[in-house]
Amino acid sequence: MAQTWHDLLFAHWPVPVSVLRPLVPSNLELHTYEGECWLAVTPFHMSDIHARGLPPLPGLSRFPELNVRTYVSFADKPGVYFFSLDAANSLAVLAARWLYALPYFKAEMRVEMREDEVAYSSRRRKGNSEFRGRYHPVREVELRQPGSLAHWLTERYCLYSVSRNHVYRAEIHHIPWPLQDAEAEITTNTMAESAGITLPQTAPILHFARYLEVLIWPLRRVE
């Protein structure tokens, strides 16, 4: 599958291992940076979504998405574990749940561009999961160096899901993240609470990416 991601915000908070360990399947090892886990709330919007060899389908090729994720590894391969993925397209939600065994949810979402600023809102149809905020880049693109926190948080090239106690992996390919430092005014954020996680009362680490073309391979059982 191919996708293009636009106007993406990484908002990262440190979270203790003791908080996340009961919430992540025991098959997966929590991946830590200097002893801490990290959780991200990641709003963006996608375009040009299509399966290999097929053109984009009308009504399915463009919509917003918002993820809540942390970082894990399996067999020494680091990757991403999703607590939730909210999307504005019902058919895409059903397809992703079936193809990738991921916790997708339908949400009412809106993205507005105001010069260099993104105004983003999302509210899940069921429950109280909601995000509202504005964000924008504040520096030029910088490729982050291996060993830095920003590189560790973002340069991950697979996702994991666990179904019926079996571990599955989907490979993700793209160029290194063209990250920019960012600022954000987040007025509402209950996304992590819906996963049973209370975020610390500290400002998140913020990064922005304007545009990224992505290839996603099928889910494969790796256990």
Protein backbone atom coordinates (compact mmCIF):
# COMPACT_ATOMS: atom_id res chain seq x y z
CA MET A 1 0.00 0.00 0.00
CA ALA A 2 1.16 3.54 -0.74
CA GLN A 3 0.18 6.69 1.15
CA THR A 4 1.28 10.31 1.40
CA TRP A 5 1.26 11.94 4.83
CA HIS A 6 0.77 15.69 5.22
CA ASP A 7 1.20 18.28 8.00
CA LEU A 8 2.02 15.77 10.71
CA LEU A 9 2.66 16.70 14.33
CA PHE A 10 4.58 14.47 16.71
CA ALA A 11 3.63 15.43 20.27
CA HIS A 12 5.66 13.22 22.63
CA TRP A 13 5.47 12.79 26.40
CA PRO A 14 7.65 10.60 28.65
CA VAL A 15 5.68 7.88 30.43
CA PRO A 16 6.99 5.48 33.11
CA VAL A 17 7.49 1.85 32.16
CA SER A 18 5.20 0.87 35.05
CA VAL A 19 2.30 2.74 33.42
CA LEU A 20 2.61 1.21 29.96
CA ARG A 21 3.66 -2.34 30.80
CA PRO A 22 0.12 -3.50 31.77
CA LEU A 23 -1.32 -1.89 28.62
CA VAL A 24 1.00 -3.37 26.00
CA PRO A 25 0.84 -7.12 25.16
CA SER A 26 3.50 -9.05 27.04
CA ASN A 27 4.77 -10.54 23.74
CA LEU A 28 6.26 -7.14 22.93
CA GLU A 29 9.21 -5.59 24.73
CA LEU A 30 8.79 -1.96 25.73
CA HIS A 31 11.47 0.12 24.04
CA THR A 32 12.89 2.83 26.26
CA TYR A 33 15.20 5.81 25.85
CA GLU A 34 17.34 6.44 28.92
CA GLY A 35 14.95 4.33 30.99
CA GLU A 36 11.69 5.99 29.94
CA CYS A 37 8.90 5.03 27.57
CA TRP A 38 7.45 7.67 25.29
CA LEU A 39 3.90 8.17 24.07
CA ALA A 40 2.93 10.19 21.02
CA VAL A 41 -0.30 11.82 19.90
CA THR A 42 0.08 12.30 16.16
CA PRO A 43 -2.47 14.23 14.05
CA PHE A 44 -2.02 14.45 10.27
CA HIS A 45 -3.91 13.93 7.03
CA MET A 46 -3.31 11.52 4.17
CA SER A 47 -3.72 11.49 0.40
CA ASP A 48 -3.04 9.24 -2.57
CA ILE A 49 -3.89 6.11 -0.58
CA HIS A 50 -3.96 3.05 -2.83
CA ALA A 51 -3.04 -0.60 -3.01
CA ARG A 52 -0.14 -1.71 -5.15
CA GLY A 53 -1.07 -1.85 -8.82
CA LEU A 54 -4.39 -0.07 -8.32
CA PRO A 55 -5.32 3.59 -8.68
CA PRO A 56 -6.63 5.59 -5.70
CA LEU A 57 -10.33 4.91 -5.15
CA PRO A 58 -12.74 7.86 -4.94
CA GLY A 59 -13.78 8.48 -1.35
CA LEU A 60 -11.03 6.27 0.08
CA SER A 61 -7.85 8.01 -0.96
CA ARG A 62 -7.85 11.14 1.22
CA PHE A 63 -8.81 11.72 4.87
CA PRO A 64 -7.42 12.83 8.27
CA GLU A 65 -6.00 10.40 10.81
CA LEU A 66 -4.82 10.71 14.40
CA ASN A 67 -2.71 8.10 16.20
CA VAL A 68 -1.78 7.34 19.80
CA ARG A 69 1.40 5.28 19.82
CA THR A 70 4.34 4.05 21.84
CA TYR A 71 7.54 2.19 21.00
CA VAL A 72 8.27 -1.50 21.29
CA SER A 73 10.57 -4.16 19.89
CA PHE A 74 10.29 -7.81 19.00
CA ALA A 75 13.25 -10.07 18.24
CA ASP A 76 15.47 -6.97 18.56
CA LYS A 77 13.61 -5.10 15.80
CA PRO A 78 12.21 -1.75 17.04
CA GLY A 79 8.82 -0.56 15.87
CA VAL A 80 5.58 1.19 16.73
CA TYR A 81 2.65 -0.06 18.80
CA PHE A 82 -0.67 1.75 18.44
CA PHE A 83 -3.16 2.23 21.27
CA SER A 84 -5.61 3.80 18.82
CA LEU A 85 -5.93 5.16 15.30
CA ASP A 86 -8.80 7.53 14.57
CA ALA A 87 -9.80 8.20 10.97
CA ALA A 88 -12.53 10.17 9.22
CA ASN A 89 -13.46 7.42 6.75
CA SER A 90 -15.71 4.52 7.81
CA LEU A 91 -14.65 2.16 5.02
CA ALA A 92 -10.98 2.82 5.70
CA VAL A 93 -11.52 2.05 9.39
CA LEU A 94 -13.12 -1.29 8.59
CA ALA A 95 -10.48 -2.19 6.01
CA ALA A 96 -7.59 -1.33 8.32
CA ARG A 97 -9.07 -3.31 11.20
CA TRP A 98 -9.38 -6.33 8.91
CA LEU A 99 -6.05 -6.04 7.05
CA TYR A 100 -3.78 -4.90 9.89
CA ALA A 101 -5.57 -5.94 13.11
CA LEU A 102 -5.20 -2.40 14.41
CA PRO A 103 -7.54 -0.53 16.80
CA TYR A 104 -9.04 1.91 14.27
CA PHE A 105 -12.02 4.10 15.20
CA LYS A 106 -14.31 6.37 13.23
CA ALA A 107 -14.09 10.02 14.21
CA GLU A 108 -15.43 13.37 13.11
CA MET A 109 -12.34 15.26 12.00
CA ARG A 110 -11.43 18.59 10.47
CA VAL A 111 -8.17 20.01 9.21
CA GLU A 112 -7.76 23.68 8.22
CA MET A 113 -4.63 25.33 6.87
CA ARG A 114 -4.08 28.97 7.86
CA GLU A 115 -0.87 30.11 6.17
CA ASP A 116 1.77 27.98 7.90
CA GLU A 117 -0.48 26.86 10.76
CA VAL A 118 -2.59 23.70 10.99
CA ALA A 119 -5.89 23.84 12.90
CA TYR A 120 -6.90 20.27 13.74
CA SER A 121 -9.92 18.79 15.50
CA SER A 122 -11.00 15.20 16.05
CA ARG A 123 -13.76 13.63 18.13
CA ARG A 124 -14.35 9.89 18.19
CA ARG A 125 -17.96 8.91 17.50
CA LYS A 126 -18.08 6.60 20.53
CA GLY A 127 -16.53 7.65 23.83
CA ASN A 128 -14.76 10.81 24.89
CA SER A 129 -11.61 10.69 22.77
CA GLU A 130 -11.02 14.20 21.49
CA PHE A 131 -8.19 16.38 20.23
CA ARG A 132 -8.24 20.07 19.37
CA GLY A 133 -5.28 22.26 18.68
CA ARG A 134 -3.15 24.37 16.38
CA TYR A 135 0.43 23.74 15.42
CA HIS A 136 3.14 25.02 13.09
CA PRO A 137 6.87 24.58 12.40
CA VAL A 138 9.32 27.06 13.85
CA ARG A 139 12.62 25.98 12.26
CA GLU A 140 13.90 24.66 8.95
CA VAL A 141 13.97 20.95 8.11
CA GLU A 142 16.72 19.06 9.91
CA LEU A 143 17.55 15.36 9.56
CA ARG A 144 18.07 14.08 13.10
CA GLN A 145 21.25 12.24 14.01
CA PRO A 146 21.28 8.60 15.19
CA GLY A 147 21.43 8.51 18.96
CA SER A 148 19.37 11.68 19.42
CA LEU A 149 15.96 11.47 21.05
CA ALA A 150 14.20 12.84 17.96
CA HIS A 151 15.79 10.18 15.75
CA TRP A 152 14.92 7.43 18.24
CA LEU A 153 11.29 8.56 18.44
CA THR A 154 10.62 8.82 14.72
CA GLU A 155 12.93 6.60 12.66
CA ARG A 156 10.98 3.36 13.02
CA TYR A 157 10.20 1.25 10.02
CA CYS A 158 7.60 -1.26 11.12
CA LEU A 159 4.42 -1.51 13.16
CA TYR A 160 3.35 -4.32 15.46
CA SER A 161 -0.04 -5.71 16.34
CA VAL A 162 -1.00 -8.68 18.51
CA SER A 163 -4.02 -10.84 17.73
CA ARG A 164 -4.97 -14.03 19.59
CA ASN A 165 -1.63 -13.85 21.37
CA HIS A 166 0.31 -13.91 18.09
CA VAL A 167 2.65 -11.08 17.06
CA TYR A 168 2.32 -9.55 13.60
CA ARG A 169 4.58 -7.05 11.87
CA ALA A 170 4.07 -4.74 8.88
CA GLU A 171 7.15 -3.17 7.32
CA ILE A 172 7.01 0.57 6.58
CA HIS A 173 9.40 2.24 4.12
CA HIS A 174 10.09 5.94 3.56
CA ILE A 175 12.97 8.39 3.44
CA PRO A 176 14.29 9.75 6.76
CA TRP A 177 11.81 12.07 8.44
CA PRO A 178 12.17 15.70 7.26
CA LEU A 179 11.54 17.01 10.77
CA GLN A 180 11.10 20.59 11.88
CA ASP A 181 10.89 21.77 15.47
CA ALA A 182 7.34 22.92 16.17
CA GLU A 183 5.07 24.87 18.46
CA ALA A 184 1.51 23.89 19.34
CA GLU A 185 -1.46 25.14 21.29
CA ILE A 186 -3.36 22.01 22.32
CA THR A 187 -6.66 23.00 23.91
CA THR A 188 -8.23 19.54 24.24
CA ASN A 189 -6.48 16.19 24.38
CA THR A 190 -8.16 13.13 25.89
CA MET A 191 -6.68 10.66 23.41
CA ALA A 192 -4.28 9.01 25.86
CA GLU A 193 -6.87 8.89 28.63
CA SER A 194 -9.03 6.68 26.44
CA ALA A 195 -6.19 4.13 26.48
CA GLY A 196 -5.94 4.33 30.27
CA ILE A 197 -2.88 6.62 30.26
CA THR A 198 -2.55 9.90 32.16
CA LEU A 199 -0.05 12.19 30.49
CA PRO A 200 2.40 14.12 32.68
CA GLN A 201 1.76 17.79 33.33
CA THR A 202 4.75 18.81 31.25
CA ALA A 203 5.01 20.35 27.82
CA PRO A 204 5.42 17.75 25.07
CA ILE A 205 8.38 17.55 22.72
CA LEU A 206 7.06 18.74 19.35
CA HIS A 207 8.15 17.97 15.79
CA PHE A 208 6.48 18.69 12.48
CA ALA A 209 6.73 17.08 9.04
CA ARG A 210 5.14 18.74 6.03
CA TYR A 211 5.15 15.84 3.56
CA LEU A 212 6.21 12.20 3.43
CA GLU A 213 5.56 9.43 0.90
CA VAL A 214 5.16 6.04 2.56
CA LEU A 215 5.01 2.39 1.50
CA ILE A 216 3.38 -0.15 3.83
CA TRP A 217 3.83 -3.90 3.39
CA PRO A 218 1.20 -6.52 4.33
CA LEU A 219 0.93 -7.78 7.88
CA ARG A 220 3.02 -10.92 8.55
CA ARG A 221 3.06 -13.21 11.56
CA VAL A 222 6.55 -13.11 13.08
CA GLU A 223 6.17 -15.20 16.21
